[in-house]
C-alpha atoms as a PDB file:
ATOM      1  CA  MET A   1      -5.728  -9.036   2.200  1.00  0.00           C
ATOM      2  CA  HIS A   2      -5.917  -6.026   4.484  1.00  0.00           C
ATOM      3  CA  LEU A   3      -2.216  -5.417   5.109  1.00  0.00           C
ATOM      4  CA  GLY A   4      -2.679  -3.258   8.177  1.00  0.00           C
ATOM      5  CA  ASN A   5      -4.715  -5.938   9.924  1.00  0.00           C
ATOM      6  CA  LYS A   6      -2.192  -8.611   8.957  1.00  0.00           C
ATOM      7  CA  ILE A   7       0.706  -6.558  10.343  1.00  0.00           C
ATOM      8  CA  LYS A   8      -1.232  -6.009  13.566  1.00  0.00           C
ATOM      9  CA  ASP A   9      -1.899  -9.762  13.841  1.00  0.00           C
ATOM     10  CA  VAL A  10       1.754 -10.704  13.303  1.00  0.00           C
ATOM     11  CA  LEU A  11       2.932  -8.117  15.831  1.00  0.00           C
ATOM     12  CA  SER A  12       0.424  -9.420  18.358  1.00  0.00           C
ATOM     13  CA  LYS A  13       1.398 -13.079  17.779  1.00  0.00           C
ATOM     14  CA  GLN A  14       5.024 -12.121  18.374  1.00  0.00           C
ATOM     15  CA  GLY A  15       3.998 -10.552  21.692  1.00  0.00           C
ATOM     16  CA  LYS A  16       5.539  -7.207  20.829  1.00  0.00           C
ATOM     17  CA  PRO A  17       3.899  -3.888  21.711  1.00  0.00           C
ATOM     18  CA  VAL A  18       3.036  -1.132  19.281  1.00  0.00           C
ATOM     19  CA  THR A  19       5.675   1.082  20.872  1.00  0.00           C
ATOM     20  CA  TRP A  20       8.360  -1.485  19.970  1.00  0.00           C
ATOM     21  CA  LEU A  21       7.348  -1.434  16.298  1.00  0.00           C
ATOM     22  CA  ALA A  22       7.189   2.358  16.299  1.00  0.00           C
ATOM     23  CA  ASN A  23      10.710   2.508  17.728  1.00  0.00           C
ATOM     24  CA  GLN A  24      11.995   0.022  15.132  1.00  0.00           C
ATOM     25  CA  LEU A  25      10.420   2.018  12.299  1.00  0.00           C
ATOM     26  CA  GLY A  26      11.597   5.362  13.679  1.00  0.00           C
ATOM     27  CA  CYS A  27       8.112   6.801  14.041  1.00  0.00           C
ATOM     28  CA  GLU A  28       5.491   7.633  16.643  1.00  0.00           C
ATOM     29  CA  ARG A  29       3.056   5.098  18.050  1.00  0.00           C
ATOM     30  CA  THR A  30       0.153   6.897  16.356  1.00  0.00           C
ATOM     31  CA  ASN A  31       1.789   6.295  12.970  1.00  0.00           C
ATOM     32  CA  VAL A  32       1.774   2.538  13.652  1.00  0.00           C
ATOM     33  CA  TYR A  33      -1.945   2.686  14.422  1.00  0.00           C
ATOM     34  CA  ASN A  34      -2.384   4.508  11.093  1.00  0.00           C
ATOM     35  CA  ILE A  35      -0.499   1.663   9.380  1.00  0.00           C
ATOM     36  CA  PHE A  36      -2.878  -0.853  10.989  1.00  0.00           C
ATOM     37  CA  ALA A  37      -5.812   1.039   9.457  1.00  0.00           C
ATOM     38  CA  ARG A  38      -4.393   0.891   5.923  1.00  0.00           C
ATOM     39  CA  LYS A  39      -5.459  -1.698   3.413  1.00  0.00           C
ATOM     40  CA  ASP A  40      -2.567  -0.779   1.102  1.00  0.00           C
ATOM     41  CA  ILE A  41       0.997   0.168   2.059  1.00  0.00           C
ATOM     42  CA  SER A  42       3.921   1.394  -0.032  1.00  0.00           C
ATOM     43  CA  THR A  43       6.442  -1.275  -0.934  1.00  0.00           C
ATOM     44  CA  GLY A  44       9.243   0.628   0.801  1.00  0.00           C
ATOM     45  CA  LEU A  45       7.390   0.747   4.111  1.00  0.00           C
ATOM     46  CA  LEU A  46       6.236  -2.845   3.765  1.00  0.00           C
ATOM     47  CA  GLN A  47       9.809  -3.973   3.121  1.00  0.00           C
ATOM     48  CA  LYS A  48      10.956  -2.228   6.289  1.00  0.00           C
ATOM     49  CA  ILE A  49       8.145  -3.862   8.292  1.00  0.00           C
ATOM     50  CA  CYS A  50       9.026  -7.289   6.827  1.00  0.00           C
ATOM     51  CA  ILE A  51      12.621  -6.896   7.968  1.00  0.00           C
ATOM     52  CA  VAL A  52      11.712  -5.634  11.440  1.00  0.00           C
ATOM     53  CA  LEU A  53       9.132  -8.367  12.074  1.00  0.00           C
ATOM     54  CA  GLY A  54      11.007 -11.095  10.218  1.00  0.00           C
ATOM     55  CA  HIS A  55       7.837 -11.881   8.280  1.00  0.00           C
ATOM     56  CA  ASP A  56       7.403 -12.016   4.492  1.00  0.00           C
ATOM     57  CA  PHE A  57       4.188 -10.131   3.758  1.00  0.00           C
ATOM     58  CA  PHE A  58       5.148  -9.938   0.074  1.00  0.00           C
ATOM     59  CA  LYS A  59       5.019 -13.730  -0.188  1.00  0.00           C
ATOM     60  CA  GLU A  60       1.577 -13.790   1.418  1.00  0.00           C
ATOM     61  CA  LEU A  61       0.321 -11.114  -0.974  1.00  0.00           C
ATOM     62  CA  SER A  62       1.682 -13.003  -3.957  1.00  0.00           C
ATOM     63  CA  GLU A  63       0.165 -16.301  -2.840  1.00  0.00           C
ATOM     64  CA  GLU A  64      -3.209 -14.674  -2.256  1.00  0.00           C
ATOM     65  CA  THR A  65      -3.110 -12.881  -5.603  1.00  0.00           C
ATOM     66  CA  PHE A  66      -2.328 -15.952  -7.668  1.00  0.00           C
ATOM     67  CA  ARG A  67      -4.565 -18.295  -5.681  1.00  0.00           C
ATOM     68  CA  LYS A  68      -7.592 -16.213  -6.743  1.00  0.00           C
ATOM     69  CA  ARG A  69      -6.861 -16.664 -10.444  1.00  0.00           C
END
């Protein structure tokens, strides 16, 4: 799973702009675009994004990881 793409998809489905997410995370809009480009994200940042978006990316990662085995 490419986390950055997944975050971008969830944000888009929620109809929220990049500037909203940047404001919620306390960063600049360009930083959010950098997050979208990342395949891997630190757990601390991912936890913050999960809370802000109300979406459990950790669960998705876990399900994908163990489904492949």
